[in-house]
Amino acid sequence: MARSVRPMTLAKEAALDAATAARSTCPICRRRYHHVLPLRTIGSCLECHDGTPVDPASYSTSAAAGAHWLAA
């Protein structure tokens, strides 16, 4: 039996985007990464946590970090 899936509302999509943005933005340097930051680094990126250099292609610049757009 096939289940019908409720369509995502704009409010739910906005809430999910905000949650994803919070988990992928470093609280120290404010760069938004293309992946979720690990909790073992207390939510910060590796460069801020222990100085490990990160690939500049793995994050958005700080100017664009404040602008979060919905996925759809």
PDB file of N, CA and C in Angstrom:
ATOM      1  N   MET A   1       0.836  -1.162   0.000  1.00  0.00           N
ATOM      2  CA  MET A   1       0.000   0.000   0.000  1.00  0.00           C
ATOM      3  C   MET A   1       0.897   1.246   0.000  1.00  0.00           C
ATOM      4  N   ALA A   2       0.662   2.129  -0.930  1.00  0.00           N
ATOM      5  CA  ALA A   2       1.468   3.349  -1.047  1.00  0.00           C
ATOM      6  C   ALA A   2       0.940   4.410  -0.093  1.00  0.00           C
ATOM      7  N   ARG A   3       1.876   5.031   0.605  1.00  0.00           N
ATOM      8  CA  ARG A   3       1.506   6.123   1.503  1.00  0.00           C
ATOM      9  C   ARG A   3       1.652   7.445   0.771  1.00  0.00           C
ATOM     10  N   SER A   4       0.761   8.349   1.037  1.00  0.00           N
ATOM     11  CA  SER A   4       0.903   9.676   0.448  1.00  0.00           C
ATOM     12  C   SER A   4       1.762  10.530   1.387  1.00  0.00           C
ATOM     13  N   VAL A   5       2.598  11.342   0.807  1.00  0.00           N
ATOM     14  CA  VAL A   5       3.500  12.189   1.573  1.00  0.00           C
ATOM     15  C   VAL A   5       2.950  13.600   1.550  1.00  0.00           C
ATOM     16  N   ARG A   6       2.870  14.192   2.721  1.00  0.00           N
ATOM     17  CA  ARG A   6       2.383  15.562   2.798  1.00  0.00           C
ATOM     18  C   ARG A   6       3.416  16.493   2.178  1.00  0.00           C
ATOM     19  N   PRO A   7       2.979  17.430   1.361  1.00  0.00           N
ATOM     20  CA  PRO A   7       3.934  18.365   0.765  1.00  0.00           C
ATOM     21  C   PRO A   7       4.530  19.281   1.838  1.00  0.00           C
ATOM     22  N   MET A   8       5.776  19.651   1.650  1.00  0.00           N
ATOM     23  CA  MET A   8       6.436  20.518   2.611  1.00  0.00           C
ATOM     24  C   MET A   8       5.894  21.938   2.469  1.00  0.00           C
ATOM     25  N   THR A   9       5.559  22.541   3.585  1.00  0.00           N
ATOM     26  CA  THR A   9       5.069  23.916   3.565  1.00  0.00           C
ATOM     27  C   THR A   9       6.258  24.868   3.525  1.00  0.00           C
ATOM     28  N   LEU A  10       6.013  26.094   3.143  1.00  0.00           N
ATOM     29  CA  LEU A  10       7.073  27.093   3.080  1.00  0.00           C
ATOM     30  C   LEU A  10       7.648  27.364   4.475  1.00  0.00           C
ATOM     31  N   ALA A  11       6.807  27.352   5.491  1.00  0.00           N
ATOM     32  CA  ALA A  11       7.275  27.585   6.858  1.00  0.00           C
ATOM     33  C   ALA A  11       8.202  26.463   7.331  1.00  0.00           C
ATOM     34  N   LYS A  12       7.841  25.210   7.002  1.00  0.00           N
ATOM     35  CA  LYS A  12       8.681  24.086   7.392  1.00  0.00           C
ATOM     36  C   LYS A  12      10.011  24.129   6.646  1.00  0.00           C
ATOM     37  N   GLU A  13       9.970  24.478   5.372  1.00  0.00           N
ATOM     38  CA  GLU A  13      11.199  24.580   4.595  1.00  0.00           C
ATOM     39  C   GLU A  13      12.101  25.692   5.136  1.00  0.00           C
ATOM     40  N   ALA A  14      11.510  26.804   5.550  1.00  0.00           N
ATOM     41  CA  ALA A  14      12.286  27.896   6.132  1.00  0.00           C
ATOM     42  C   ALA A  14      12.917  27.468   7.458  1.00  0.00           C
ATOM     43  N   ALA A  15      12.177  26.709   8.255  1.00  0.00           N
ATOM     44  CA  ALA A  15      12.713  26.228   9.533  1.00  0.00           C
ATOM     45  C   ALA A  15      13.860  25.238   9.318  1.00  0.00           C
ATOM     46  N   LEU A  16      13.716  24.350   8.348  1.00  0.00           N
ATOM     47  CA  LEU A  16      14.789  23.404   8.048  1.00  0.00           C
ATOM     48  C   LEU A  16      16.018  24.114   7.499  1.00  0.00           C
ATOM     49  N   ASP A  17      15.825  25.145   6.678  1.00  0.00           N
ATOM     50  CA  ASP A  17      16.951  25.919   6.147  1.00  0.00           C
ATOM     51  C   ASP A  17      17.674  26.652   7.273  1.00  0.00           C
ATOM     52  N   ALA A  18      16.934  27.206   8.209  1.00  0.00           N
ATOM     53  CA  ALA A  18      17.559  27.903   9.331  1.00  0.00           C
ATOM     54  C   ALA A  18      18.346  26.937  10.211  1.00  0.00           C
ATOM     55  N   ALA A  19      17.809  25.742  10.434  1.00  0.00           N
ATOM     56  CA  ALA A  19      18.511  24.741  11.240  1.00  0.00           C
ATOM     57  C   ALA A  19      19.783  24.273  10.547  1.00  0.00           C
ATOM     58  N   THR A  20      19.710  24.045   9.244  1.00  0.00           N
ATOM     59  CA  THR A  20      20.886  23.627   8.486  1.00  0.00           C
ATOM     60  C   THR A  20      21.927  24.733   8.464  1.00  0.00           C
ATOM     61  N   ALA A  21      21.494  25.966   8.314  1.00  0.00           N
ATOM     62  CA  ALA A  21      22.423  27.096   8.315  1.00  0.00           C
ATOM     63  C   ALA A  21      23.138  27.211   9.653  1.00  0.00           C
ATOM     64  N   ALA A  22      22.420  26.998  10.732  1.00  0.00           N
ATOM     65  CA  ALA A  22      23.032  27.086  12.063  1.00  0.00           C
ATOM     66  C   ALA A  22      24.065  25.991  12.279  1.00  0.00           C
ATOM     67  N   ARG A  23      23.811  24.792  11.760  1.00  0.00           N
ATOM     68  CA  ARG A  23      24.739  23.672  11.958  1.00  0.00           C
ATOM     69  C   ARG A  23      25.913  23.698  10.994  1.00  0.00           C
ATOM     70  N   SER A  24      25.833  24.507   9.925  1.00  0.00           N
ATOM     71  CA  SER A  24      26.926  24.554   8.961  1.00  0.00           C
ATOM     72  C   SER A  24      27.679  25.886   8.978  1.00  0.00           C
ATOM     73  N   THR A  25      27.350  26.777   9.912  1.00  0.00           N
ATOM     74  CA  THR A  25      28.037  28.058  10.043  1.00  0.00           C
ATOM     75  C   THR A  25      28.910  28.031  11.285  1.00  0.00           C
ATOM     76  N   CYS A  26      30.193  28.384  11.098  1.00  0.00           N
ATOM     77  CA  CYS A  26      31.125  28.423  12.229  1.00  0.00           C
ATOM     78  C   CYS A  26      30.797  29.635  13.092  1.00  0.00           C
ATOM     79  N   PRO A  27      30.627  29.452  14.400  1.00  0.00           N
ATOM     80  CA  PRO A  27      30.280  30.586  15.256  1.00  0.00           C
ATOM     81  C   PRO A  27      31.436  31.558  15.465  1.00  0.00           C
ATOM     82  N   ILE A  28      32.652  31.154  15.137  1.00  0.00           N
ATOM     83  CA  ILE A  28      33.821  32.017  15.357  1.00  0.00           C
ATOM     84  C   ILE A  28      34.117  32.871  14.127  1.00  0.00           C
ATOM     85  N   CYS A  29      34.295  32.226  12.959  1.00  0.00           N
ATOM     86  CA  CYS A  29      34.657  32.978  11.752  1.00  0.00           C
ATOM     87  C   CYS A  29      33.456  33.315  10.874  1.00  0.00           C
ATOM     88  N   ARG A  30      32.276  32.770  11.197  1.00  0.00           N
ATOM     89  CA  ARG A  30      31.011  33.032  10.509  1.00  0.00           C
ATOM     90  C   ARG A  30      30.998  32.571   9.052  1.00  0.00           C
ATOM     91  N   ARG A  31      31.893  31.646   8.678  1.00  0.00           N
ATOM     92  CA  ARG A  31      31.862  31.072   7.335  1.00  0.00           C
ATOM     93  C   ARG A  31      30.829  29.958   7.312  1.00  0.00           C
ATOM     94  N   ARG A  32      30.043  29.893   6.232  1.00  0.00           N
ATOM     95  CA  ARG A  32      29.044  28.835   6.091  1.00  0.00           C
ATOM     96  C   ARG A  32      29.621  27.753   5.181  1.00  0.00           C
ATOM     97  N   TYR A  33      29.775  26.572   5.748  1.00  0.00           N
ATOM     98  CA  TYR A  33      30.366  25.448   5.026  1.00  0.00           C
ATOM     99  C   TYR A  33      29.303  24.693   4.254  1.00  0.00           C
ATOM    100  N   HIS A  34      29.748  23.905   3.289  1.00  0.00           N
ATOM    101  CA  HIS A  34      28.841  23.105   2.463  1.00  0.00           C
ATOM    102  C   HIS A  34      28.514  21.774   3.133  1.00  0.00           C
ATOM    103  N   HIS A  35      28.917  21.613   4.374  1.00  0.00           N
ATOM    104  CA  HIS A  35      28.626  20.402   5.146  1.00  0.00           C
ATOM    105  C   HIS A  35      28.329  20.812   6.590  1.00  0.00           C
ATOM    106  N   VAL A  36      27.767  19.913   7.347  1.00  0.00           N
ATOM    107  CA  VAL A  36      27.470  20.173   8.747  1.00  0.00           C
ATOM    108  C   VAL A  36      28.776  20.073   9.546  1.00  0.00           C
ATOM    109  N   LEU A  37      29.014  21.033  10.415  1.00  0.00           N
ATOM    110  CA  LEU A  37      30.241  21.039  11.214  1.00  0.00           C
ATOM    111  C   LEU A  37      30.147  19.999  12.329  1.00  0.00           C
ATOM    112  N   PRO A  38      31.251  19.325  12.629  1.00  0.00           N
ATOM    113  CA  PRO A  38      31.209  18.269  13.647  1.00  0.00           C
ATOM    114  C   PRO A  38      30.993  18.822  15.052  1.00  0.00           C
ATOM    115  N   LEU A  39      30.248  18.098  15.850  1.00  0.00           N
ATOM    116  CA  LEU A  39      29.989  18.521  17.222  1.00  0.00           C
ATOM    117  C   LEU A  39      31.223  18.354  18.108  1.00  0.00           C
ATOM    118  N   ARG A  40      32.138  17.463  17.714  1.00  0.00           N
ATOM    119  CA  ARG A  40      33.335  17.247  18.530  1.00  0.00           C
ATOM    120  C   ARG A  40      34.225  18.481  18.558  1.00  0.00           C
ATOM    121  N   THR A  41      34.048  19.403  17.609  1.00  0.00           N
ATOM    122  CA  THR A  41      34.812  20.651  17.597  1.00  0.00           C
ATOM    123  C   THR A  41      33.981  21.792  18.186  1.00  0.00           C
ATOM    124  N   ILE A  42      32.956  21.452  18.922  1.00  0.00           N
ATOM    125  CA  ILE A  42      32.038  22.405  19.556  1.00  0.00           C
ATOM    126  C   ILE A  42      31.382  23.299  18.506  1.00  0.00           C
ATOM    127  N   GLY A  43      31.110  22.710  17.334  1.00  0.00           N
ATOM    128  CA  GLY A  43      30.407  23.420  16.281  1.00  0.00           C
ATOM    129  C   GLY A  43      31.252  24.363  15.464  1.00  0.00           C
ATOM    130  N   SER A  44      32.539  24.477  15.752  1.00  0.00           N
ATOM    131  CA  SER A  44      33.385  25.375  14.978  1.00  0.00           C
ATOM    132  C   SER A  44      34.086  24.590  13.869  1.00  0.00           C
ATOM    133  N   CYS A  45      34.609  25.318  12.890  1.00  0.00           N
ATOM    134  CA  CYS A  45      35.328  24.661  11.797  1.00  0.00           C
ATOM    135  C   CYS A  45      36.699  24.214  12.309  1.00  0.00           C
ATOM    136  N   LEU A  46      37.347  23.334  11.566  1.00  0.00           N
ATOM    137  CA  LEU A  46      38.646  22.817  12.000  1.00  0.00           C
ATOM    138  C   LEU A  46      39.705  23.910  12.069  1.00  0.00           C
ATOM    139  N   GLU A  47      39.624  24.883  11.169  1.00  0.00           N
ATOM    140  CA  GLU A  47      40.604  25.969  11.181  1.00  0.00           C
ATOM    141  C   GLU A  47      40.497  26.794  12.461  1.00  0.00           C
ATOM    142  N   CYS A  48      39.301  27.078  12.916  1.00  0.00           N
ATOM    143  CA  CYS A  48      39.116  27.824  14.166  1.00  0.00           C
ATOM    144  C   CYS A  48      39.387  26.941  15.379  1.00  0.00           C
ATOM    145  N   HIS A  49      39.093  25.651  15.268  1.00  0.00           N
ATOM    146  CA  HIS A  49      39.250  24.746  16.408  1.00  0.00           C
ATOM    147  C   HIS A  49      40.708  24.433  16.707  1.00  0.00           C
ATOM    148  N   ASP A  50      41.451  24.004  15.675  1.00  0.00           N
ATOM    149  CA  ASP A  50      42.838  23.612  15.945  1.00  0.00           C
ATOM    150  C   ASP A  50      43.841  24.125  14.917  1.00  0.00           C
ATOM    151  N   GLY A  51      43.416  24.999  14.009  1.00  0.00           N
ATOM    152  CA  GLY A  51      44.334  25.593  13.050  1.00  0.00           C
ATOM    153  C   GLY A  51      44.551  24.799  11.781  1.00  0.00           C
ATOM    154  N   THR A  52      43.842  23.680  11.611  1.00  0.00           N
ATOM    155  CA  THR A  52      43.967  22.887  10.397  1.00  0.00           C
ATOM    156  C   THR A  52      43.439  23.694   9.218  1.00  0.00           C
ATOM    157  N   PRO A  53      44.255  23.927   8.190  1.00  0.00           N
ATOM    158  CA  PRO A  53      43.763  24.704   7.048  1.00  0.00           C
ATOM    159  C   PRO A  53      42.626  23.978   6.330  1.00  0.00           C
ATOM    160  N   VAL A  54      41.637  24.737   5.903  1.00  0.00           N
ATOM    161  CA  VAL A  54      40.505  24.165   5.184  1.00  0.00           C
ATOM    162  C   VAL A  54      40.542  24.639   3.740  1.00  0.00           C
ATOM    163  N   ASP A  55      39.949  23.841   2.867  1.00  0.00           N
ATOM    164  CA  ASP A  55      39.887  24.175   1.448  1.00  0.00           C
ATOM    165  C   ASP A  55      38.916  25.338   1.262  1.00  0.00           C
ATOM    166  N   PRO A  56      39.354  26.438   0.631  1.00  0.00           N
ATOM    167  CA  PRO A  56      38.442  27.567   0.409  1.00  0.00           C
ATOM    168  C   PRO A  56      37.208  27.212  -0.418  1.00  0.00           C
ATOM    169  N   ALA A  57      37.243  26.118  -1.161  1.00  0.00           N
ATOM    170  CA  ALA A  57      36.084  25.712  -1.947  1.00  0.00           C
ATOM    171  C   ALA A  57      35.019  25.024  -1.094  1.00  0.00           C
ATOM    172  N   SER A  58      35.328  24.773   0.193  1.00  0.00           N
ATOM    173  CA  SER A  58      34.380  24.055   1.043  1.00  0.00           C
ATOM    174  C   SER A  58      33.456  24.979   1.839  1.00  0.00           C
ATOM    175  N   TYR A  59      33.570  26.289   1.655  1.00  0.00           N
ATOM    176  CA  TYR A  59      32.708  27.214   2.390  1.00  0.00           C
ATOM    177  C   TYR A  59      32.356  28.419   1.540  1.00  0.00           C
ATOM    178  N   SER A  60      31.337  29.140   1.969  1.00  0.00           N
ATOM    179  CA  SER A  60      30.943  30.389   1.335  1.00  0.00           C
ATOM    180  C   SER A  60      31.649  31.522   2.041  1.00  0.00           C
ATOM    181  N   THR A  61      31.859  32.608   1.344  1.00  0.00           N
ATOM    182  CA  THR A  61      32.548  33.743   1.942  1.00  0.00           C
ATOM    183  C   THR A  61      31.698  34.362   3.040  1.00  0.00           C
ATOM    184  N   SER A  62      32.325  35.119   3.905  1.00  0.00           N
ATOM    185  CA  SER A  62      31.612  35.706   5.042  1.00  0.00           C
ATOM    186  C   SER A  62      30.555  36.704   4.599  1.00  0.00           C
ATOM    187  N   ALA A  63      30.730  37.347   3.444  1.00  0.00           N
ATOM    188  CA  ALA A  63      29.719  38.287   2.961  1.00  0.00           C
ATOM    189  C   ALA A  63      28.430  37.565   2.593  1.00  0.00           C
ATOM    190  N   ALA A  64      28.546  36.357   2.059  1.00  0.00           N
ATOM    191  CA  ALA A  64      27.350  35.602   1.664  1.00  0.00           C
ATOM    192  C   ALA A  64      26.822  34.732   2.799  1.00  0.00           C
ATOM    193  N   ALA A  65      27.558  34.646   3.913  1.00  0.00           N
ATOM    194  CA  ALA A  65      27.132  33.769   5.003  1.00  0.00           C
ATOM    195  C   ALA A  65      25.855  34.254   5.668  1.00  0.00           C
ATOM    196  N   GLY A  66      25.594  35.549   5.610  1.00  0.00           N
ATOM    197  CA  GLY A  66      24.383  36.069   6.235  1.00  0.00           C
ATOM    198  C   GLY A  66      23.143  35.869   5.391  1.00  0.00           C
ATOM    199  N   ALA A  67      23.315  35.636   4.104  1.00  0.00           N
ATOM    200  CA  ALA A  67      22.182  35.469   3.211  1.00  0.00           C
ATOM    201  C   ALA A  67      21.857  33.997   3.055  1.00  0.00           C
ATOM    202  N   HIS A  68      20.755  33.572   3.631  1.00  0.00           N
ATOM    203  CA  HIS A  68      20.336  32.174   3.528  1.00  0.00           C
ATOM    204  C   HIS A  68      19.109  32.130   2.639  1.00  0.00           C
ATOM    205  N   TRP A  69      19.151  31.258   1.637  1.00  0.00           N
ATOM    206  CA  TRP A  69      18.055  31.123   0.701  1.00  0.00           C
ATOM    207  C   TRP A  69      17.400  29.775   0.869  1.00  0.00           C
ATOM    208  N   LEU A  70      16.124  29.731   0.642  1.00  0.00           N
ATOM    209  CA  LEU A  70      15.402  28.465   0.724  1.00  0.00           C
ATOM    210  C   LEU A  70      15.840  27.554  -0.416  1.00  0.00           C
ATOM    211  N   ALA A  71      15.730  26.269  -0.205  1.00  0.00           N
ATOM    212  CA  ALA A  71      16.188  25.297  -1.203  1.00  0.00           C
ATOM    213  C   ALA A  71      15.316  25.315  -2.454  1.00  0.00           C
ATOM    214  N   ALA A  72      14.053  25.618  -2.312  1.00  0.00           N
ATOM    215  CA  ALA A  72      13.161  25.600  -3.483  1.00  0.00           C
ATOM    216  C   ALA A  72      12.699  26.987  -3.839  1.00  0.00           C
TER     217      ALA A  72
END
